[in-house]
């Protein structure tokens, strides 16, 4: 609606979809109930798709990329719903909607579990906050989607998904421990010593073999 959800009347909504106002009230008692149905129709398939896909994806980084990519695709495919979710339904102190927030929490909880699993597997740093990473993921996606809505220009979902994934994962991926210089020197000395022992052992075996060989044999 041109005036936004809050300012649109049920009569305007009915006119926009080509039905009489009473038809809407036959199925939905309030405008808010209609909104809940629209958002459920958006979120439920999305939640089901992501939950079904994640187990088949190996690695925390790949799973995070899929979550970013899938959300970008959903917003690009449904720009009007994207606008509704981002612009009209941000929870504030005076506009808390348990149904809407519940849908969003169920959906974003998938990202939290992915991060927690990545920490448990040792792929991600143990000190990071899964809730903070969740905010980074969806906040970044919403920022990109918001610019897409206003500019009305196509976006490269693959490129953006790669870029956001790299940006997020560089900071949270667990880095291999750097070997201390003294440890490296000690390791090298041990290797040299082992090699020296092997050479000495081979030399002794050759000398013993020559001593045991019969003259003229």
N, C-alpha and C. Protein backbone atom coordinates (compact mmCIF):
# COMPACT_ATOMS: atom_id res chain seq x y z
N UNK A 1 0.84 -1.19 0.00
CA UNK A 1 0.00 0.00 0.00
C UNK A 1 0.87 1.23 0.00
N UNK A 2 0.42 2.24 -0.72
CA UNK A 2 1.22 3.46 -0.86
C UNK A 2 1.37 4.17 0.48
N UNK A 3 0.34 4.08 1.34
CA UNK A 3 0.38 4.80 2.61
C UNK A 3 1.01 3.99 3.73
N UNK A 4 1.43 2.77 3.43
CA UNK A 4 2.02 1.93 4.46
C UNK A 4 0.95 1.15 5.21
N UNK A 5 1.38 0.11 5.88
CA UNK A 5 0.43 -0.77 6.56
C UNK A 5 -0.38 -0.04 7.61
N UNK A 6 0.27 0.72 8.48
CA UNK A 6 -0.42 1.35 9.60
C UNK A 6 -1.51 2.32 9.14
N UNK A 7 -1.29 3.01 8.03
CA UNK A 7 -2.23 4.02 7.57
C UNK A 7 -3.24 3.51 6.55
N UNK A 8 -3.06 2.29 6.07
CA UNK A 8 -3.98 1.72 5.09
C UNK A 8 -5.22 1.17 5.79
N UNK A 9 -6.38 1.42 5.23
CA UNK A 9 -7.61 0.88 5.79
C UNK A 9 -7.94 -0.46 5.15
N UNK A 10 -8.80 -1.21 5.81
CA UNK A 10 -9.22 -2.50 5.25
C UNK A 10 -9.93 -2.28 3.93
N UNK A 11 -10.68 -1.18 3.81
CA UNK A 11 -11.37 -0.86 2.55
C UNK A 11 -10.36 -0.65 1.42
N UNK A 12 -9.26 0.04 1.71
CA UNK A 12 -8.22 0.25 0.70
C UNK A 12 -7.57 -1.06 0.29
N UNK A 13 -7.34 -1.93 1.29
CA UNK A 13 -6.73 -3.23 1.00
C UNK A 13 -7.68 -4.05 0.12
N UNK A 14 -8.97 -4.05 0.45
CA UNK A 14 -9.95 -4.79 -0.33
C UNK A 14 -10.01 -4.27 -1.77
N UNK A 15 -9.98 -2.96 -1.91
CA UNK A 15 -10.01 -2.37 -3.26
C UNK A 15 -8.77 -2.75 -4.06
N UNK A 16 -7.63 -2.79 -3.38
CA UNK A 16 -6.38 -3.10 -4.06
C UNK A 16 -6.36 -4.53 -4.60
N UNK A 17 -7.01 -5.46 -3.88
CA UNK A 17 -7.01 -6.86 -4.31
C UNK A 17 -8.27 -7.25 -5.07
N UNK A 18 -9.18 -6.28 -5.22
CA UNK A 18 -10.36 -6.52 -6.05
C UNK A 18 -11.48 -7.28 -5.39
N UNK A 19 -11.65 -7.11 -4.07
CA UNK A 19 -12.77 -7.74 -3.37
C UNK A 19 -13.48 -6.68 -2.54
N UNK A 20 -14.66 -7.04 -2.04
CA UNK A 20 -15.36 -6.10 -1.17
C UNK A 20 -14.81 -6.22 0.25
N UNK A 21 -14.97 -5.18 1.01
CA UNK A 21 -14.39 -5.14 2.35
C UNK A 21 -14.92 -6.27 3.22
N UNK A 22 -16.20 -6.62 3.06
CA UNK A 22 -16.78 -7.67 3.88
C UNK A 22 -16.15 -9.03 3.67
N UNK A 23 -15.62 -9.25 2.47
CA UNK A 23 -14.98 -10.53 2.18
C UNK A 23 -13.75 -10.72 3.05
N UNK A 24 -13.00 -9.66 3.25
CA UNK A 24 -11.81 -9.74 4.10
C UNK A 24 -12.21 -10.07 5.53
N UNK A 25 -13.26 -9.41 6.03
CA UNK A 25 -13.69 -9.66 7.41
C UNK A 25 -14.31 -11.05 7.59
N UNK A 26 -14.72 -11.67 6.49
CA UNK A 26 -15.23 -13.03 6.57
C UNK A 26 -14.15 -14.00 7.00
N UNK A 27 -12.93 -13.74 6.55
CA UNK A 27 -11.81 -14.64 6.84
C UNK A 27 -10.87 -14.11 7.92
N UNK A 28 -10.84 -12.80 8.07
CA UNK A 28 -9.91 -12.20 9.04
C UNK A 28 -10.67 -11.19 9.89
N UNK A 29 -10.64 -11.40 11.20
CA UNK A 29 -11.41 -10.53 12.08
C UNK A 29 -10.88 -9.11 12.15
N UNK A 30 -9.57 -8.94 11.95
CA UNK A 30 -8.95 -7.62 12.04
C UNK A 30 -7.90 -7.46 10.94
N UNK A 31 -7.48 -6.25 10.74
CA UNK A 31 -6.40 -5.99 9.78
C UNK A 31 -5.11 -6.64 10.24
N UNK A 32 -4.93 -6.71 11.56
CA UNK A 32 -3.71 -7.32 12.09
C UNK A 32 -3.71 -8.82 11.80
N UNK A 33 -4.87 -9.46 11.89
CA UNK A 33 -4.96 -10.89 11.59
C UNK A 33 -4.60 -11.15 10.13
N UNK A 34 -5.00 -10.26 9.25
CA UNK A 34 -4.62 -10.38 7.84
C UNK A 34 -3.11 -10.26 7.69
N UNK A 35 -2.53 -9.32 8.40
CA UNK A 35 -1.08 -9.15 8.35
C UNK A 35 -0.36 -10.41 8.83
N UNK A 36 -0.87 -11.00 9.92
CA UNK A 36 -0.25 -12.22 10.44
C UNK A 36 -0.29 -13.33 9.40
N UNK A 37 -1.38 -13.43 8.67
CA UNK A 37 -1.48 -14.48 7.65
C UNK A 37 -0.48 -14.23 6.53
N UNK A 38 -0.36 -12.99 6.10
CA UNK A 38 0.58 -12.65 5.03
C UNK A 38 2.01 -12.96 5.44
N UNK A 39 2.38 -12.58 6.66
CA UNK A 39 3.74 -12.82 7.12
C UNK A 39 4.00 -14.30 7.38
N UNK A 40 3.00 -15.01 7.85
CA UNK A 40 3.16 -16.45 8.04
C UNK A 40 3.39 -17.14 6.69
N UNK A 41 2.66 -16.70 5.67
CA UNK A 41 2.84 -17.27 4.33
C UNK A 41 4.22 -16.96 3.78
N UNK A 42 4.84 -15.89 4.26
CA UNK A 42 6.19 -15.54 3.83
C UNK A 42 7.23 -16.32 4.63
N UNK A 43 7.07 -16.34 5.94
CA UNK A 43 8.09 -16.92 6.80
C UNK A 43 8.08 -18.45 6.85
N UNK A 44 6.90 -19.06 6.91
CA UNK A 44 6.85 -20.51 7.12
C UNK A 44 7.58 -21.29 6.03
N UNK A 45 7.35 -21.03 4.75
CA UNK A 45 8.12 -21.75 3.72
C UNK A 45 9.61 -21.46 3.79
N UNK A 46 9.95 -20.22 4.17
CA UNK A 46 11.35 -19.83 4.28
C UNK A 46 12.02 -20.59 5.42
N UNK A 47 11.35 -20.66 6.57
CA UNK A 47 11.89 -21.40 7.71
C UNK A 47 12.07 -22.87 7.35
N UNK A 48 11.04 -23.44 6.72
CA UNK A 48 11.10 -24.86 6.36
C UNK A 48 12.23 -25.14 5.38
N UNK A 49 12.42 -24.25 4.41
CA UNK A 49 13.47 -24.44 3.40
C UNK A 49 14.86 -24.38 4.04
N UNK A 50 15.09 -23.40 4.89
CA UNK A 50 16.40 -23.24 5.52
C UNK A 50 16.68 -24.41 6.47
N UNK A 51 15.68 -24.79 7.27
CA UNK A 51 15.88 -25.91 8.20
C UNK A 51 16.14 -27.22 7.46
N UNK A 52 15.51 -27.38 6.31
CA UNK A 52 15.72 -28.59 5.51
C UNK A 52 17.08 -28.59 4.83
N UNK A 53 17.56 -27.43 4.44
CA UNK A 53 18.80 -27.33 3.66
C UNK A 53 20.06 -27.37 4.50
N UNK A 54 20.03 -26.75 5.68
CA UNK A 54 21.22 -26.59 6.50
C UNK A 54 21.93 -27.91 6.81
N UNK A 55 21.22 -28.99 7.22
CA UNK A 55 21.93 -30.23 7.56
C UNK A 55 22.75 -30.82 6.42
N UNK A 56 22.37 -30.52 5.18
CA UNK A 56 23.08 -31.07 4.02
C UNK A 56 24.29 -30.23 3.62
N UNK A 57 24.51 -29.10 4.30
CA UNK A 57 25.61 -28.20 3.97
C UNK A 57 26.74 -28.41 4.96
N UNK A 58 27.93 -28.67 4.45
CA UNK A 58 29.08 -28.95 5.31
C UNK A 58 29.82 -27.66 5.67
N UNK A 59 30.14 -27.50 6.94
CA UNK A 59 30.97 -26.38 7.38
C UNK A 59 30.19 -25.16 7.80
N UNK A 60 30.64 -24.52 8.87
CA UNK A 60 29.96 -23.33 9.40
C UNK A 60 29.95 -22.19 8.40
N UNK A 61 31.08 -21.98 7.72
CA UNK A 61 31.14 -20.88 6.76
C UNK A 61 30.13 -21.06 5.64
N UNK A 62 30.05 -22.25 5.09
CA UNK A 62 29.11 -22.52 4.00
C UNK A 62 27.66 -22.38 4.47
N UNK A 63 27.41 -22.76 5.70
CA UNK A 63 26.05 -22.63 6.24
C UNK A 63 25.69 -21.15 6.44
N UNK A 64 26.63 -20.37 6.92
CA UNK A 64 26.38 -18.93 7.09
C UNK A 64 26.13 -18.29 5.73
N UNK A 65 26.90 -18.68 4.73
CA UNK A 65 26.70 -18.12 3.40
C UNK A 65 25.31 -18.46 2.87
N UNK A 66 24.88 -19.70 3.10
CA UNK A 66 23.56 -20.09 2.62
C UNK A 66 22.47 -19.26 3.28
N UNK A 67 22.58 -19.04 4.59
CA UNK A 67 21.59 -18.23 5.30
C UNK A 67 21.51 -16.83 4.72
N UNK A 68 22.68 -16.23 4.47
CA UNK A 68 22.72 -14.88 3.88
C UNK A 68 22.11 -14.89 2.49
N UNK A 69 22.54 -15.84 1.67
CA UNK A 69 22.05 -15.94 0.29
C UNK A 69 20.54 -16.16 0.25
N UNK A 70 20.04 -17.03 1.11
CA UNK A 70 18.60 -17.35 1.09
C UNK A 70 17.76 -16.16 1.50
N UNK A 71 18.23 -15.40 2.47
CA UNK A 71 17.49 -14.21 2.90
C UNK A 71 17.50 -13.14 1.82
N UNK A 72 18.64 -12.95 1.19
CA UNK A 72 18.72 -11.99 0.08
C UNK A 72 17.76 -12.39 -1.04
N UNK A 73 17.74 -13.66 -1.38
CA UNK A 73 16.87 -14.14 -2.45
C UNK A 73 15.40 -13.92 -2.11
N UNK A 74 15.04 -14.19 -0.85
CA UNK A 74 13.65 -14.01 -0.42
C UNK A 74 13.23 -12.56 -0.55
N UNK A 75 14.11 -11.65 -0.16
CA UNK A 75 13.78 -10.23 -0.23
C UNK A 75 13.70 -9.74 -1.68
N UNK A 76 14.60 -10.22 -2.53
CA UNK A 76 14.59 -9.81 -3.93
C UNK A 76 13.35 -10.34 -4.65
N UNK A 77 12.95 -11.56 -4.30
CA UNK A 77 11.78 -12.16 -4.93
C UNK A 77 10.48 -11.54 -4.43
N UNK A 78 10.48 -11.03 -3.19
CA UNK A 78 9.27 -10.44 -2.60
C UNK A 78 9.58 -9.03 -2.09
N UNK A 79 9.83 -8.08 -2.99
CA UNK A 79 10.25 -6.75 -2.53
C UNK A 79 9.21 -6.02 -1.68
N UNK A 80 7.92 -6.22 -1.97
CA UNK A 80 6.91 -5.53 -1.18
C UNK A 80 6.86 -6.07 0.24
N UNK A 81 7.00 -7.39 0.38
CA UNK A 81 7.06 -7.98 1.72
C UNK A 81 8.34 -7.57 2.43
N UNK A 82 9.41 -7.46 1.65
CA UNK A 82 10.67 -6.98 2.21
C UNK A 82 10.47 -5.60 2.83
N UNK A 83 9.79 -4.73 2.10
CA UNK A 83 9.52 -3.39 2.59
C UNK A 83 8.68 -3.44 3.87
N UNK A 84 7.67 -4.32 3.85
CA UNK A 84 6.79 -4.45 5.00
C UNK A 84 7.55 -4.91 6.23
N UNK A 85 8.38 -5.92 6.06
CA UNK A 85 9.14 -6.47 7.19
C UNK A 85 10.11 -5.45 7.75
N UNK A 86 10.85 -4.78 6.86
CA UNK A 86 11.89 -3.86 7.31
C UNK A 86 11.33 -2.55 7.84
N UNK A 87 10.39 -1.98 7.09
CA UNK A 87 9.91 -0.63 7.40
C UNK A 87 8.80 -0.60 8.45
N UNK A 88 7.84 -1.49 8.32
CA UNK A 88 6.64 -1.38 9.12
C UNK A 88 6.66 -2.19 10.41
N UNK A 89 7.50 -3.24 10.47
CA UNK A 89 7.37 -4.18 11.57
C UNK A 89 8.57 -4.23 12.48
N UNK A 90 9.37 -3.18 12.52
CA UNK A 90 10.46 -3.13 13.49
C UNK A 90 9.87 -3.00 14.89
N UNK A 91 10.17 -3.94 15.80
CA UNK A 91 9.57 -3.87 17.14
C UNK A 91 10.09 -2.67 17.92
N UNK A 92 9.18 -1.96 18.53
CA UNK A 92 9.55 -0.83 19.40
C UNK A 92 8.80 -1.01 20.72
N UNK A 93 9.05 -0.10 21.62
CA UNK A 93 8.43 -0.21 22.95
C UNK A 93 6.92 -0.15 22.87
N UNK A 94 6.38 0.57 21.89
CA UNK A 94 4.92 0.73 21.82
C UNK A 94 4.29 -0.08 20.68
N UNK A 95 5.04 -0.92 20.02
CA UNK A 95 4.46 -1.70 18.92
C UNK A 95 5.05 -3.11 18.90
N UNK A 96 4.83 -3.85 19.98
CA UNK A 96 5.35 -5.21 20.07
C UNK A 96 4.26 -6.17 19.61
N UNK A 97 4.56 -6.96 18.61
CA UNK A 97 3.61 -7.92 18.08
C UNK A 97 4.18 -9.31 18.31
N UNK A 98 3.58 -10.06 19.22
CA UNK A 98 4.12 -11.36 19.61
C UNK A 98 4.16 -12.33 18.44
N UNK A 99 3.16 -12.30 17.57
CA UNK A 99 3.12 -13.22 16.43
C UNK A 99 4.26 -12.93 15.46
N UNK A 100 4.43 -11.66 15.12
CA UNK A 100 5.48 -11.26 14.19
C UNK A 100 6.86 -11.54 14.77
N UNK A 101 7.06 -11.15 16.02
CA UNK A 101 8.35 -11.38 16.67
C UNK A 101 8.62 -12.87 16.80
N UNK A 102 7.59 -13.65 17.07
CA UNK A 102 7.77 -15.09 17.17
C UNK A 102 8.24 -15.71 15.86
N UNK A 103 7.67 -15.27 14.74
CA UNK A 103 8.10 -15.77 13.44
C UNK A 103 9.56 -15.41 13.18
N UNK A 104 9.90 -14.15 13.47
CA UNK A 104 11.27 -13.70 13.24
C UNK A 104 12.26 -14.45 14.12
N UNK A 105 11.88 -14.71 15.35
CA UNK A 105 12.78 -15.42 16.27
C UNK A 105 12.99 -16.86 15.81
N UNK A 106 11.93 -17.52 15.38
CA UNK A 106 12.07 -18.90 14.88
C UNK A 106 13.02 -18.95 13.69
N UNK A 107 12.88 -17.97 12.81
CA UNK A 107 13.71 -17.95 11.62
C UNK A 107 15.17 -17.66 11.95
N UNK A 108 15.40 -16.62 12.72
CA UNK A 108 16.78 -16.22 13.01
C UNK A 108 17.46 -17.16 14.00
N UNK A 109 16.68 -17.97 14.72
CA UNK A 109 17.28 -18.95 15.63
C UNK A 109 18.11 -19.98 14.87
N UNK A 110 17.80 -20.17 13.59
CA UNK A 110 18.58 -21.12 12.78
C UNK A 110 20.03 -20.64 12.69
N UNK A 111 20.22 -19.34 12.48
CA UNK A 111 21.57 -18.80 12.40
C UNK A 111 22.30 -18.95 13.73
N UNK A 112 21.59 -18.77 14.83
CA UNK A 112 22.20 -18.93 16.15
C UNK A 112 22.70 -20.37 16.32
N UNK A 113 21.90 -21.34 15.91
CA UNK A 113 22.31 -22.75 16.03
C UNK A 113 23.51 -23.06 15.14
N UNK A 114 23.53 -22.46 13.96
CA UNK A 114 24.67 -22.67 13.04
C UNK A 114 25.96 -22.16 13.69
N UNK A 115 25.90 -20.99 14.30
CA UNK A 115 27.08 -20.43 14.95
C UNK A 115 27.47 -21.28 16.15
N UNK A 116 26.49 -21.71 16.94
CA UNK A 116 26.79 -22.56 18.10
C UNK A 116 27.44 -23.88 17.66
N UNK A 117 26.93 -24.46 16.59
CA UNK A 117 27.52 -25.70 16.08
C UNK A 117 28.95 -25.46 15.57
N UNK A 118 29.17 -24.29 14.95
CA UNK A 118 30.51 -23.95 14.47
C UNK A 118 31.50 -23.78 15.61
N UNK A 119 31.03 -23.24 16.72
CA UNK A 119 31.89 -23.11 17.91
C UNK A 119 32.20 -24.50 18.47
N UNK A 120 31.16 -25.34 18.54
CA UNK A 120 31.34 -26.68 19.10
C UNK A 120 32.30 -27.53 18.26
N UNK A 121 32.28 -27.32 16.95
CA UNK A 121 33.14 -28.11 16.07
C UNK A 121 34.56 -27.56 16.00
N UNK A 122 34.78 -26.37 16.59
CA UNK A 122 36.10 -25.76 16.55
C UNK A 122 36.36 -24.90 15.32
N UNK A 123 35.36 -24.72 14.48
CA UNK A 123 35.53 -23.88 13.28
C UNK A 123 35.47 -22.40 13.60
N UNK A 124 34.70 -22.04 14.62
CA UNK A 124 34.52 -20.65 15.00
C UNK A 124 35.10 -20.41 16.39
N UNK A 125 35.49 -19.16 16.63
CA UNK A 125 36.11 -18.81 17.90
C UNK A 125 35.14 -19.01 19.06
N UNK A 126 35.59 -19.60 20.14
CA UNK A 126 34.69 -19.93 21.25
C UNK A 126 34.15 -18.72 22.00
N UNK A 127 34.85 -17.58 21.91
CA UNK A 127 34.43 -16.42 22.70
C UNK A 127 33.39 -15.54 22.00
N UNK A 128 33.04 -15.84 20.74
CA UNK A 128 32.09 -14.99 20.03
C UNK A 128 30.67 -15.21 20.55
N UNK A 129 29.81 -14.21 20.35
CA UNK A 129 28.43 -14.30 20.78
C UNK A 129 27.54 -14.70 19.59
N UNK A 130 26.88 -15.86 19.65
CA UNK A 130 25.97 -16.25 18.56
C UNK A 130 24.87 -15.22 18.30
N UNK A 131 24.37 -14.59 19.37
CA UNK A 131 23.32 -13.58 19.20
C UNK A 131 23.85 -12.36 18.46
N UNK A 132 25.09 -11.97 18.74
CA UNK A 132 25.68 -10.84 18.06
C UNK A 132 25.91 -11.16 16.57
N UNK A 133 26.37 -12.37 16.29
CA UNK A 133 26.58 -12.76 14.90
C UNK A 133 25.25 -12.81 14.16
N UNK A 134 24.22 -13.27 14.82
CA UNK A 134 22.88 -13.25 14.22
C UNK A 134 22.49 -11.82 13.82
N UNK A 135 22.72 -10.88 14.71
CA UNK A 135 22.38 -9.48 14.42
C UNK A 135 23.21 -8.96 13.24
N UNK A 136 24.48 -9.34 13.18
CA UNK A 136 25.34 -8.92 12.08
C UNK A 136 24.83 -9.46 10.75
N UNK A 137 24.43 -10.72 10.74
CA UNK A 137 23.96 -11.35 9.50
C UNK A 137 22.71 -10.66 8.98
N UNK A 138 21.68 -10.60 9.81
CA UNK A 138 20.40 -10.09 9.33
C UNK A 138 20.40 -8.57 9.22
N UNK A 139 21.18 -7.90 10.05
CA UNK A 139 21.30 -6.45 9.91
C UNK A 139 21.96 -6.07 8.59
N UNK A 140 22.99 -6.81 8.21
CA UNK A 140 23.68 -6.56 6.94
C UNK A 140 22.76 -6.83 5.76
N UNK A 141 22.03 -7.94 5.83
CA UNK A 141 21.12 -8.29 4.73
C UNK A 141 20.02 -7.23 4.60
N UNK A 142 19.46 -6.80 5.71
CA UNK A 142 18.41 -5.78 5.65
C UNK A 142 18.94 -4.47 5.08
N UNK A 143 20.18 -4.11 5.42
CA UNK A 143 20.77 -2.89 4.88
C UNK A 143 20.89 -2.96 3.36
N UNK A 144 21.35 -4.11 2.86
CA UNK A 144 21.47 -4.29 1.41
C UNK A 144 20.09 -4.27 0.76
N UNK A 145 19.14 -4.98 1.37
CA UNK A 145 17.80 -5.05 0.80
C UNK A 145 17.13 -3.68 0.80
N UNK A 146 17.39 -2.89 1.83
CA UNK A 146 16.80 -1.55 1.92
C UNK A 146 17.28 -0.67 0.77
N UNK A 147 18.57 -0.75 0.48
CA UNK A 147 19.11 0.04 -0.65
C UNK A 147 18.55 -0.47 -1.97
N UNK A 148 18.36 -1.77 -2.09
CA UNK A 148 17.78 -2.35 -3.29
C UNK A 148 16.37 -1.82 -3.51
N UNK A 149 15.58 -1.71 -2.44
CA UNK A 149 14.20 -1.26 -2.56
C UNK A 149 14.12 0.18 -3.06
N UNK A 150 15.01 1.03 -2.55
CA UNK A 150 14.96 2.43 -2.93
C UNK A 150 15.55 2.70 -4.31
N UNK A 151 16.61 1.99 -4.64
CA UNK A 151 17.26 2.22 -5.93
C UNK A 151 16.55 1.51 -7.07
N UNK A 152 15.80 0.47 -6.72
CA UNK A 152 15.09 -0.31 -7.73
C UNK A 152 16.02 -0.82 -8.82
N UNK A 153 17.21 -1.20 -8.42
CA UNK A 153 18.17 -1.75 -9.36
C UNK A 153 18.48 -3.19 -8.97
N UNK A 154 18.73 -4.04 -9.96
CA UNK A 154 19.05 -5.44 -9.63
C UNK A 154 20.34 -5.54 -8.83
N UNK A 155 20.41 -6.53 -7.97
CA UNK A 155 21.62 -6.75 -7.19
C UNK A 155 22.14 -8.15 -7.48
N UNK A 156 23.44 -8.30 -7.36
CA UNK A 156 24.09 -9.59 -7.58
C UNK A 156 24.08 -10.36 -6.26
N UNK A 157 23.11 -11.25 -6.10
CA UNK A 157 22.95 -11.98 -4.85
C UNK A 157 24.19 -12.81 -4.52
N UNK A 158 24.73 -13.47 -5.54
CA UNK A 158 25.89 -14.33 -5.30
C UNK A 158 27.08 -13.53 -4.80
N UNK A 159 27.35 -12.39 -5.47
CA UNK A 159 28.49 -11.57 -5.09
C UNK A 159 28.32 -10.98 -3.69
N UNK A 160 27.12 -10.53 -3.40
CA UNK A 160 26.88 -9.94 -2.09
C UNK A 160 26.96 -11.00 -1.00
N UNK A 161 26.43 -12.18 -1.27
CA UNK A 161 26.50 -13.28 -0.29
C UNK A 161 27.95 -13.64 0.00
N UNK A 162 28.77 -13.70 -1.06
CA UNK A 162 30.20 -14.00 -0.86
C UNK A 162 30.89 -12.92 -0.04
N UNK A 163 30.60 -11.66 -0.38
CA UNK A 163 31.25 -10.54 0.30
C UNK A 163 30.86 -10.48 1.77
N UNK A 164 29.58 -10.60 2.07
CA UNK A 164 29.13 -10.55 3.46
C UNK A 164 29.67 -11.73 4.25
N UNK A 165 29.68 -12.90 3.63
CA UNK A 165 30.21 -14.08 4.31
C UNK A 165 31.68 -13.90 4.65
N UNK A 166 32.46 -13.42 3.68
CA UNK A 166 33.88 -13.19 3.93
C UNK A 166 34.08 -12.19 5.06
N UNK A 167 33.31 -11.10 5.02
CA UNK A 167 33.47 -10.05 6.02
C UNK A 167 33.16 -10.57 7.42
N UNK A 168 32.08 -11.33 7.55
CA UNK A 168 31.69 -11.84 8.87
C UNK A 168 32.63 -12.95 9.34
N UNK A 169 32.94 -13.88 8.45
CA UNK A 169 33.69 -15.06 8.85
C UNK A 169 35.17 -14.78 9.14
N UNK A 170 35.72 -13.74 8.53
CA UNK A 170 37.11 -13.39 8.82
C UNK A 170 37.27 -13.07 10.30
N UNK A 171 36.26 -12.46 10.87
CA UNK A 171 36.35 -12.07 12.27
C UNK A 171 36.00 -13.16 13.25
N UNK A 172 35.25 -14.19 12.81
CA UNK A 172 34.78 -15.18 13.77
C UNK A 172 35.40 -16.56 13.57
N UNK A 173 36.08 -16.77 12.44
CA UNK A 173 36.68 -18.08 12.20
C UNK A 173 37.84 -18.31 13.17
N UNK A 174 37.96 -19.52 13.62
CA UNK A 174 39.05 -19.86 14.53
C UNK A 174 40.33 -20.00 13.73
N UNK A 175 41.35 -19.22 14.10
CA UNK A 175 42.62 -19.25 13.39
C UNK A 175 43.53 -20.30 13.99
N UNK A 176 44.32 -20.98 13.16
CA UNK A 176 45.27 -21.96 13.72
C UNK A 176 46.29 -21.25 14.61
N UNK A 177 46.63 -21.88 15.71
CA UNK A 177 47.56 -21.26 16.66
C UNK A 177 48.91 -21.03 16.00
N UNK A 178 49.46 -19.85 16.19
CA UNK A 178 50.77 -19.53 15.64
C UNK A 178 51.86 -20.17 16.48
N UNK A 179 52.79 -20.81 15.82
CA UNK A 179 53.87 -21.48 16.53
C UNK A 179 54.90 -20.46 17.02
N UNK A 180 55.21 -20.56 18.29
CA UNK A 180 56.21 -19.67 18.87
C UNK A 180 57.56 -19.91 18.21
N UNK A 181 58.35 -18.83 18.04
CA UNK A 181 59.64 -18.94 17.35
C UNK A 181 60.56 -19.93 18.06
N UNK A 182 60.58 -19.90 19.40
CA UNK A 182 61.46 -20.82 20.13
C UNK A 182 61.01 -22.26 19.94
N UNK A 183 59.66 -22.46 19.86
CA UNK A 183 59.16 -23.82 19.61
C UNK A 183 59.58 -24.30 18.24
N UNK A 184 59.55 -23.38 17.27
CA UNK A 184 59.93 -23.76 15.91
C UNK A 184 61.40 -24.14 15.85
N UNK A 185 62.25 -23.37 16.54
CA UNK A 185 63.68 -23.68 16.57
C UNK A 185 63.92 -25.03 17.23
N UNK A 186 63.23 -25.26 18.34
CA UNK A 186 63.39 -26.53 19.04
C UNK A 186 62.95 -27.71 18.17
N UNK A 187 61.84 -27.51 17.45
CA UNK A 187 61.37 -28.57 16.56
C UNK A 187 62.37 -28.85 15.46
N UNK A 188 62.96 -27.79 14.91
CA UNK A 188 63.97 -27.96 13.86
C UNK A 188 65.19 -28.69 14.39
N UNK A 189 65.62 -28.33 15.59
CA UNK A 189 66.78 -29.00 16.19
C UNK A 189 66.51 -30.49 16.41
N UNK A 190 65.30 -30.81 16.85
CA UNK A 190 64.95 -32.22 17.04
C UNK A 190 64.98 -32.98 15.72
N UNK A 191 64.46 -32.36 14.67
CA UNK A 191 64.46 -33.01 13.36
C UNK A 191 65.88 -33.24 12.86
N UNK A 192 66.75 -32.22 13.06
CA UNK A 192 68.15 -32.37 12.64
C UNK A 192 68.80 -33.50 13.43
N UNK A 193 68.53 -33.56 14.75
CA UNK A 193 69.10 -34.61 15.59
C UNK A 193 68.63 -35.99 15.16
N UNK A 194 67.33 -36.10 14.84
CA UNK A 194 66.80 -37.39 14.39
C UNK A 194 67.43 -37.80 13.06
N UNK A 195 67.63 -36.82 12.19
CA UNK A 195 68.25 -37.12 10.90
C UNK A 195 69.70 -37.58 11.10
N UNK A 196 70.40 -36.89 12.01
CA UNK A 196 71.79 -37.25 12.30
C UNK A 196 71.87 -38.67 12.85
N UNK A 197 70.92 -39.02 13.73
CA UNK A 197 70.90 -40.37 14.30
C UNK A 197 70.65 -41.41 13.22
N UNK A 198 69.77 -41.10 12.30
CA UNK A 198 69.47 -42.04 11.22
C UNK A 198 70.70 -42.26 10.33
N UNK A 199 71.39 -41.14 10.03
CA UNK A 199 72.60 -41.24 9.20
C UNK A 199 73.67 -42.06 9.92
N UNK A 200 73.86 -41.82 11.25
CA UNK A 200 74.84 -42.55 12.02
C UNK A 200 74.50 -44.03 12.09
N UNK A 201 73.20 -44.33 12.26
CA UNK A 201 72.78 -45.72 12.32
C UNK A 201 73.04 -46.43 11.00
N UNK A 202 72.75 -45.75 9.90
CA UNK A 202 73.00 -46.34 8.58
C UNK A 202 74.48 -46.58 8.37
N UNK A 203 75.33 -45.65 8.84
CA UNK A 203 76.78 -45.80 8.69
C UNK A 203 77.29 -47.00 9.47
N UNK A 204 76.77 -47.19 10.70
CA UNK A 204 77.19 -48.32 11.51
C UNK A 204 76.78 -49.64 10.87
N UNK A 205 75.60 -49.65 10.29
CA UNK A 205 75.14 -50.88 9.63
C UNK A 205 76.02 -51.23 8.45
N UNK A 206 76.45 -50.22 7.71
CA UNK A 206 77.33 -50.46 6.56
C UNK A 206 78.68 -50.99 7.01
N UNK A 207 79.25 -50.41 8.08
CA UNK A 207 80.56 -50.85 8.57
C UNK A 207 80.48 -52.28 9.10
N UNK A 208 79.40 -52.57 9.84
CA UNK A 208 79.23 -53.94 10.35
C UNK A 208 79.10 -54.94 9.21
N UNK A 209 78.37 -54.55 8.19
CA UNK A 209 78.19 -55.43 7.03
C UNK A 209 79.53 -55.69 6.34
N UNK A 210 80.37 -54.67 6.23
CA UNK A 210 81.68 -54.83 5.58
C UNK A 210 82.61 -55.71 6.41
N UNK A 211 82.56 -55.56 7.74
CA UNK A 211 83.41 -56.38 8.61
C UNK A 211 83.03 -57.85 8.57
N UNK A 212 81.73 -58.12 8.41
CA UNK A 212 81.27 -59.51 8.41
C UNK A 212 81.43 -60.17 7.05
N UNK A 213 81.73 -59.38 6.06
CA UNK A 213 81.87 -59.95 4.72
C UNK A 213 83.20 -60.72 4.64
N UNK A 214 83.17 -61.91 4.13
CA UNK A 214 84.38 -62.75 4.02
C UNK A 214 85.34 -62.13 2.99
N UNK A 215 86.67 -62.28 3.27
CA UNK A 215 87.64 -61.75 2.29
C UNK A 215 87.47 -62.48 0.96
N UNK A 216 87.47 -61.71 -0.06
CA UNK A 216 87.36 -62.27 -1.42
C UNK A 216 85.96 -62.65 -1.75
N UNK A 217 84.99 -62.44 -0.78
CA UNK A 217 83.62 -62.79 -1.03
C UNK A 217 82.91 -61.78 -1.89
